Amino acid sequence: MPDSIQSRSALNRHSAPWAMALALGLLVALIAGIFTSAFIWPLKESNAHHIPLGVSGPEQSLSAMTKQLNASKADMFDIRTYGSRAELVHGINTRSVEGGVVLSNTGVEVLTASAGNAQVTQILNTLATGMKEQQAASQQSSGMTVTTTDVVKGSTASSAGNLVVLPALIAGIAAAMMATFIIKRPQYRIITLLSGATLGGLAGAAVLGPWFDVLPGSYGMHALALGMGILAIASTVCGLAALLGKTGLGLGMMLMMLIGNPWGGMLVPTEFLPGFMGWVGSHMPNGNVITLMKNISFFPEASQSGQWWTFVAWTVAGMLMLIAGAVLQQRREKAFTS
């Protein structure tokens, strides 16, 4: 072999490890940037808009109140009118609105629901404080009062309620990885996903409920909701892995962690995110876990069918991808042996 060829070959052998090491370092930097951006972007872009807010009172007073509510920002509130205070309270309990303002001949009552949305509650409390200051400074004050009532009270533990997504996310990804790397046959992978979701839901609900009292309410319903969330995440990630291999596994994990968490309401409510973020996040399993388990704990009158069907849709899609991936793998193996 000529000396020049030997020299180039030796150079390539020595430079390849350095190039690979540098490439991996750049990949780490890229991953760090993507993860950081995924979580910081929703926080930077968070801006309250179209918060559903109920109002009730004499018709002649509602117009003035609507103008006052929209004075600082025109699209902050999506104002809905109710015939009475009782109807407005029912709207809050069913999560049709996040809060409300009741007008009467004696004053103004601001209704909040701290168990549902801490950020919106803070906005409404600030609004009530401004009304009180305005009333106190008014030269025409006639004894009108401004009061605040927390219709659905949260607790100190419930402030960590968004963390309920963590057991669903961790258990879901863990179940998907074990089913992908350890179990080979699709029917046994499905058993792994189902058993992991069932036992993970029971364990996670025990930690969140009886153990740390993060969420009050029915242990059985919490376990079912958490188990369905685990199954939806696990089946999607495992299905993508079966269909696309390691690339699919990575895509599934990134989908759940980089989109499902920050866009699903873990950091800020969906009403505070840009439209497309909030819409996508509200249809992810992660966001549904948060919404459903809060509804079970604090808003039993609220409709839950949308969250359950979302879990079913993600689970079915994941299972179909899992089966399709197994069929394609069998065809490739037959083609290779023949």
Protein backbone atom coordinates (compact mmCIF):
# COMPACT_ATOMS: atom_id res chain seq x y z
CA MET A 1 0.00 0.00 0.00
CA PRO A 2 1.46 3.40 -0.95
CA ASP A 3 2.66 5.61 1.89
CA SER A 4 0.15 8.36 1.00
CA ILE A 5 -2.83 5.97 1.24
CA GLN A 6 -1.55 4.56 4.53
CA SER A 7 -1.17 8.09 5.90
CA ARG A 8 -4.73 9.06 4.92
CA SER A 9 -6.08 5.82 6.40
CA ALA A 10 -4.27 6.43 9.68
CA LEU A 11 -5.48 10.04 9.72
CA ASN A 12 -9.07 8.90 9.23
CA ARG A 13 -8.79 6.34 12.01
CA HIS A 14 -7.46 8.96 14.42
CA SER A 15 -9.83 11.77 13.41
CA ALA A 16 -13.05 9.72 13.41
CA PRO A 17 -13.27 9.38 17.25
CA TRP A 18 -12.65 13.10 17.67
CA ALA A 19 -15.33 13.94 15.10
CA MET A 20 -17.79 11.60 16.79
CA ALA A 21 -17.01 13.06 20.22
CA LEU A 22 -17.52 16.59 18.91
CA ALA A 23 -20.75 15.59 17.14
CA LEU A 24 -22.13 14.05 20.33
CA GLY A 25 -21.25 17.20 22.24
CA LEU A 26 -23.12 19.28 19.70
CA LEU A 27 -26.07 16.88 19.93
CA VAL A 28 -26.18 17.33 23.70
CA ALA A 29 -26.22 21.10 23.23
CA LEU A 30 -29.02 20.78 20.69
CA ILE A 31 -31.08 18.57 23.01
CA ALA A 32 -30.53 20.98 25.90
CA GLY A 33 -31.66 23.89 23.75
CA ILE A 34 -34.76 22.06 22.53
CA PHE A 35 -35.81 20.96 26.03
CA THR A 36 -35.21 24.40 27.51
CA SER A 37 -37.08 26.14 24.70
CA ALA A 38 -40.00 23.73 24.99
CA PHE A 39 -40.56 24.65 28.63
CA ILE A 40 -39.57 28.32 28.58
CA TRP A 41 -41.47 29.26 25.41
CA PRO A 42 -44.92 28.72 26.93
CA LEU A 43 -43.90 30.76 29.97
CA LYS A 44 -42.61 33.64 27.84
CA GLU A 45 -45.62 33.54 25.53
CA SER A 46 -48.17 33.13 28.33
CA ASN A 47 -50.74 35.88 28.11
CA ALA A 48 -54.24 35.53 29.52
CA HIS A 49 -56.90 35.59 26.83
CA HIS A 50 -60.49 34.42 26.41
CA ILE A 51 -60.85 33.36 30.04
CA PRO A 52 -64.48 32.21 30.42
CA LEU A 53 -66.04 34.52 32.99
CA GLY A 54 -69.66 34.66 34.08
CA VAL A 55 -71.59 37.80 35.04
CA SER A 56 -74.99 38.14 36.64
CA GLY A 57 -77.08 41.09 37.71
CA PRO A 58 -79.45 43.82 36.52
CA GLU A 59 -79.29 44.24 32.77
CA GLN A 60 -78.57 47.96 32.95
CA SER A 61 -75.49 47.29 35.11
CA LEU A 62 -74.05 44.45 33.05
CA SER A 63 -73.05 46.66 30.12
CA ALA A 64 -71.00 48.95 32.35
CA MET A 65 -69.39 45.98 34.09
CA THR A 66 -68.52 44.36 30.76
CA LYS A 67 -66.76 47.55 29.64
CA GLN A 68 -64.88 47.69 32.93
CA LEU A 69 -63.76 44.08 32.65
CA ASN A 70 -62.47 44.64 29.12
CA ALA A 71 -60.94 48.01 29.86
CA SER A 72 -57.37 46.80 30.30
CA LYS A 73 -57.41 44.17 27.55
CA ALA A 74 -60.22 43.56 25.10
CA ASP A 75 -59.80 39.79 24.72
CA MET A 76 -58.85 38.85 28.28
CA PHE A 77 -62.32 37.59 29.21
CA ASP A 78 -64.93 35.60 27.34
CA ILE A 79 -67.94 37.01 29.17
CA ARG A 80 -71.07 34.90 29.56
CA THR A 81 -74.28 36.12 31.13
CA TYR A 82 -76.22 34.16 33.76
CA GLY A 83 -79.71 34.83 35.05
CA SER A 84 -78.88 34.51 38.73
CA ARG A 85 -76.05 33.98 41.20
CA ALA A 86 -77.10 30.34 41.65
CA GLU A 87 -76.83 29.71 37.90
CA LEU A 88 -73.41 31.36 37.84
CA VAL A 89 -72.18 29.23 40.75
CA HIS A 90 -73.42 26.16 38.88
CA GLY A 91 -71.46 27.32 35.83
CA ILE A 92 -68.31 27.50 37.96
CA ASN A 93 -68.94 24.06 39.47
CA THR A 94 -69.34 22.55 36.00
CA ARG A 95 -66.26 24.45 34.77
CA SER A 96 -68.23 26.27 32.11
CA VAL A 97 -66.59 29.42 33.47
CA GLU A 98 -63.49 29.98 35.59
CA GLY A 99 -65.11 32.58 37.84
CA GLY A 100 -67.67 35.31 37.84
CA VAL A 101 -68.95 38.70 38.95
CA VAL A 102 -72.36 39.14 40.59
CA LEU A 103 -73.93 42.60 40.57
CA SER A 104 -76.66 43.59 42.99
CA ASN A 105 -78.20 46.68 44.55
CA THR A 106 -75.85 46.37 47.51
CA GLY A 107 -72.56 45.85 45.71
CA VAL A 108 -70.34 43.55 43.68
CA GLU A 109 -69.33 39.99 44.52
CA VAL A 110 -66.38 38.42 42.70
CA LEU A 111 -66.55 34.61 42.56
CA THR A 112 -63.38 32.55 42.20
CA ALA A 113 -62.44 28.85 42.11
CA SER A 114 -58.92 28.53 43.50
CA ALA A 115 -58.97 24.73 43.19
CA GLY A 116 -59.27 24.96 39.44
CA ASN A 117 -56.98 27.70 38.25
CA ALA A 118 -54.65 29.59 40.58
CA GLN A 119 -53.58 32.12 37.93
CA VAL A 120 -57.15 33.08 37.03
CA THR A 121 -58.01 33.33 40.73
CA GLN A 122 -55.12 35.76 41.16
CA ILE A 123 -56.39 37.87 38.25
CA LEU A 124 -59.91 38.01 39.72
CA ASN A 125 -58.60 38.85 43.20
CA THR A 126 -56.59 41.69 41.68
CA LEU A 127 -59.73 42.82 39.87
CA ALA A 128 -61.68 42.83 43.14
CA THR A 129 -58.93 44.81 44.86
CA GLY A 130 -59.04 47.42 42.08
CA MET A 131 -62.83 47.71 42.44
CA LYS A 132 -62.48 48.24 46.19
CA GLU A 133 -59.87 50.96 45.70
CA GLN A 134 -62.01 52.61 43.04
CA GLN A 135 -65.04 52.50 45.31
CA ALA A 136 -63.09 53.91 48.25
CA ALA A 137 -61.78 56.80 46.13
CA SER A 138 -65.15 57.58 44.58
CA GLN A 139 -66.78 60.77 45.74
CA GLN A 140 -70.18 59.26 45.03
CA SER A 141 -69.76 56.20 47.27
CA SER A 142 -73.10 55.11 48.63
CA GLY A 143 -72.16 52.17 50.81
CA MET A 144 -71.76 49.71 47.92
CA THR A 145 -69.50 46.82 48.91
CA VAL A 146 -67.04 44.70 46.94
CA THR A 147 -66.60 41.17 48.28
CA THR A 148 -64.78 38.03 47.12
CA THR A 149 -66.04 34.46 47.50
CA ASP A 150 -64.01 31.36 46.73
CA VAL A 151 -66.70 29.00 45.43
CA VAL A 152 -64.44 25.95 45.00
CA LYS A 153 -61.61 26.25 47.46
CA GLY A 154 -58.29 24.58 46.90
CA SER A 155 -55.92 23.49 49.61
CA THR A 156 -52.21 23.86 50.23
CA ALA A 157 -51.71 20.39 48.81
CA SER A 158 -53.88 21.07 45.79
CA SER A 159 -51.47 23.79 44.65
CA ALA A 160 -49.27 20.90 43.51
CA GLY A 161 -52.17 19.40 41.59
CA ASN A 162 -50.49 19.82 38.19
CA LEU A 163 -47.80 17.40 39.32
CA VAL A 164 -50.32 14.57 38.90
CA VAL A 165 -49.06 14.33 35.34
CA LEU A 166 -45.64 13.10 36.52
CA PRO A 167 -46.65 9.56 37.55
CA ALA A 168 -48.60 9.20 34.30
CA LEU A 169 -45.67 10.42 32.21
CA ILE A 170 -42.96 8.46 34.02
CA ALA A 171 -44.94 5.22 34.24
CA GLY A 172 -46.15 5.56 30.65
CA ILE A 173 -42.68 6.01 29.19
CA ALA A 174 -41.22 3.30 31.45
CA ALA A 175 -43.90 0.81 30.38
CA ALA A 176 -43.32 1.66 26.70
CA MET A 177 -39.54 1.21 26.99
CA MET A 178 -39.81 -2.12 28.83
CA ALA A 179 -42.37 -3.42 26.36
CA THR A 180 -40.20 -2.31 23.44
CA PHE A 181 -36.79 -3.59 24.56
CA ILE A 182 -37.69 -6.62 26.67
CA ILE A 183 -40.88 -8.03 25.15
CA LYS A 184 -40.81 -9.08 21.50
CA ARG A 185 -44.28 -10.40 20.70
CA PRO A 186 -46.99 -7.74 20.24
CA GLN A 187 -49.63 -9.59 22.29
CA TYR A 188 -47.29 -9.75 25.27
CA ARG A 189 -46.37 -6.11 24.81
CA ILE A 190 -50.06 -5.24 25.08
CA ILE A 191 -50.25 -7.25 28.32
CA THR A 192 -47.25 -5.32 29.66
CA LEU A 193 -48.87 -2.00 28.80
CA LEU A 194 -52.22 -2.96 30.33
CA SER A 195 -50.74 -4.37 33.54
CA GLY A 196 -48.34 -1.44 33.89
CA ALA A 197 -51.15 1.06 33.46
CA THR A 198 -53.42 -0.75 35.94
CA LEU A 199 -50.81 -1.19 38.66
CA GLY A 200 -49.26 2.22 37.98
CA GLY A 201 -52.66 3.88 38.32
CA LEU A 202 -53.32 2.14 41.64
CA ALA A 203 -49.87 3.03 43.01
CA GLY A 204 -49.86 6.61 41.74
CA ALA A 205 -53.35 7.32 43.06
CA ALA A 206 -52.34 5.95 46.47
CA VAL A 207 -49.37 8.34 46.60
CA LEU A 208 -51.38 11.36 45.43
CA GLY A 209 -54.45 10.58 47.51
CA PRO A 210 -54.23 8.69 50.83
CA TRP A 211 -50.49 9.16 51.26
CA PHE A 212 -49.75 12.83 50.50
CA ASP A 213 -53.34 14.09 50.17
CA VAL A 214 -52.53 16.10 47.06
CA LEU A 215 -55.95 15.32 45.61
CA PRO A 216 -59.06 14.56 47.67
CA GLY A 217 -61.95 12.53 46.33
CA SER A 218 -62.49 9.00 45.10
CA TYR A 219 -59.37 6.85 45.16
CA GLY A 220 -60.89 4.44 42.64
CA MET A 221 -61.70 7.19 40.13
CA HIS A 222 -58.26 8.72 40.53
CA ALA A 223 -56.65 5.31 39.94
CA LEU A 224 -58.77 4.77 36.84
CA ALA A 225 -57.99 8.23 35.43
CA LEU A 226 -54.27 7.89 36.13
CA GLY A 227 -54.21 4.37 34.68
CA MET A 228 -55.93 5.55 31.51
CA GLY A 229 -53.41 8.38 31.21
CA ILE A 230 -50.52 5.93 31.62
CA LEU A 231 -52.02 3.60 29.03
CA ALA A 232 -52.57 6.41 26.52
CA ILE A 233 -48.96 7.61 26.84
CA ALA A 234 -47.44 4.12 26.93
CA SER A 235 -49.37 2.75 23.96
CA THR A 236 -48.55 5.80 21.83
CA VAL A 237 -44.81 5.69 22.56
CA CYS A 238 -44.65 1.90 22.21
CA GLY A 239 -46.71 2.02 19.00
CA LEU A 240 -44.40 4.57 17.42
CA ALA A 241 -41.41 2.47 18.44
CA ALA A 242 -42.95 -0.64 16.87
CA LEU A 243 -43.72 1.24 13.68
CA LEU A 244 -40.55 3.33 13.28
CA GLY A 245 -37.99 1.65 15.51
CA LYS A 246 -35.66 3.72 17.69
CA THR A 247 -36.65 6.84 15.78
CA GLY A 248 -40.28 6.27 16.69
CA LEU A 249 -39.38 5.72 20.33
CA GLY A 250 -37.53 9.03 20.39
CA LEU A 251 -40.37 10.82 18.64
CA GLY A 252 -42.91 9.43 21.08
CA MET A 253 -40.90 10.47 24.13
CA MET A 254 -40.28 13.95 22.73
CA LEU A 255 -43.97 14.30 21.84
CA MET A 256 -45.05 13.57 25.40
CA MET A 257 -42.29 15.48 27.19
CA LEU A 258 -41.69 18.48 24.93
CA ILE A 259 -45.27 19.11 23.81
CA GLY A 260 -47.55 17.24 26.19
CA ASN A 261 -46.11 18.70 29.39
CA PRO A 262 -45.53 22.41 28.68
CA TRP A 263 -48.52 22.75 26.33
CA GLY A 264 -50.85 20.59 28.43
CA GLY A 265 -51.16 22.99 31.35
CA MET A 266 -48.40 21.72 33.64
CA LEU A 267 -46.66 25.12 33.80
CA VAL A 268 -49.42 27.58 32.93
CA PRO A 269 -53.13 27.11 32.15
CA THR A 270 -54.05 26.59 28.52
CA GLU A 271 -55.97 29.92 28.57
CA PHE A 272 -52.59 31.65 28.99
CA LEU A 273 -50.96 30.00 25.97
CA PRO A 274 -51.14 31.02 22.30
CA GLY A 275 -54.15 29.48 20.58
CA PHE A 276 -52.43 26.59 18.82
CA MET A 277 -50.44 25.63 21.93
CA GLY A 278 -53.50 25.58 24.15
CA TRP A 279 -55.56 23.63 21.62
CA VAL A 280 -52.90 20.97 21.04
CA GLY A 281 -52.07 20.73 24.72
CA SER A 282 -55.70 20.27 25.73
CA HIS A 283 -55.89 17.21 23.46
CA MET A 284 -52.70 15.58 24.76
CA PRO A 285 -52.88 12.80 27.38
CA ASN A 286 -50.78 14.88 29.78
CA GLY A 287 -53.18 17.81 29.87
CA ASN A 288 -56.14 15.47 30.13
CA VAL A 289 -54.68 13.82 33.24
CA ILE A 290 -54.45 17.21 34.95
CA THR A 291 -57.95 18.32 33.92
CA LEU A 292 -59.68 15.03 34.66
CA MET A 293 -58.15 14.46 38.08
CA LYS A 294 -58.93 18.02 39.15
CA ASN A 295 -62.50 17.55 37.99
CA ILE A 296 -62.79 14.32 39.98
CA SER A 297 -61.38 16.00 43.09
CA PHE A 298 -62.96 19.44 43.06
CA PHE A 299 -65.50 19.70 40.22
CA PRO A 300 -67.59 16.50 40.28
CA GLU A 301 -70.40 18.28 38.41
CA ALA A 302 -68.15 19.09 35.45
CA SER A 303 -68.38 16.99 32.29
CA GLN A 304 -65.61 14.39 32.06
CA SER A 305 -66.55 12.55 28.88
CA GLY A 306 -64.15 14.57 26.70
CA GLN A 307 -61.14 13.57 28.80
CA TRP A 308 -62.08 9.86 28.85
CA TRP A 309 -62.61 9.75 25.09
CA THR A 310 -59.29 11.50 24.51
CA PHE A 311 -57.53 8.76 26.47
CA VAL A 312 -59.38 6.13 24.43
CA ALA A 313 -58.41 7.79 21.14
CA TRP A 314 -54.68 7.93 21.99
CA THR A 315 -54.75 4.36 23.29
CA VAL A 316 -56.47 2.98 20.19
CA ALA A 317 -54.08 4.87 17.91
CA GLY A 318 -51.10 3.50 19.82
CA MET A 319 -52.38 -0.08 19.76
CA LEU A 320 -53.04 0.12 16.02
CA MET A 321 -49.49 1.36 15.42
CA LEU A 322 -48.19 -1.45 17.64
CA ILE A 323 -50.06 -4.08 15.61
CA ALA A 324 -49.09 -2.48 12.29
CA GLY A 325 -45.45 -2.42 13.34
CA ALA A 326 -45.56 -6.11 14.25
CA VAL A 327 -47.14 -7.00 10.89
CA LEU A 328 -44.49 -5.03 8.98
CA GLN A 329 -41.73 -6.68 11.01
CA GLN A 330 -43.07 -10.13 10.17
CA ARG A 331 -43.19 -9.27 6.46
CA ARG A 332 -39.60 -8.01 6.54
CA GLU A 333 -38.45 -11.19 8.28
CA LYS A 334 -40.25 -13.40 5.73
CA ALA A 335 -38.78 -11.41 2.85
CA PHE A 336 -35.31 -11.72 4.35
CA THR A 337 -35.52 -15.50 4.90
CA SER A 338 -36.94 -16.10 1.45
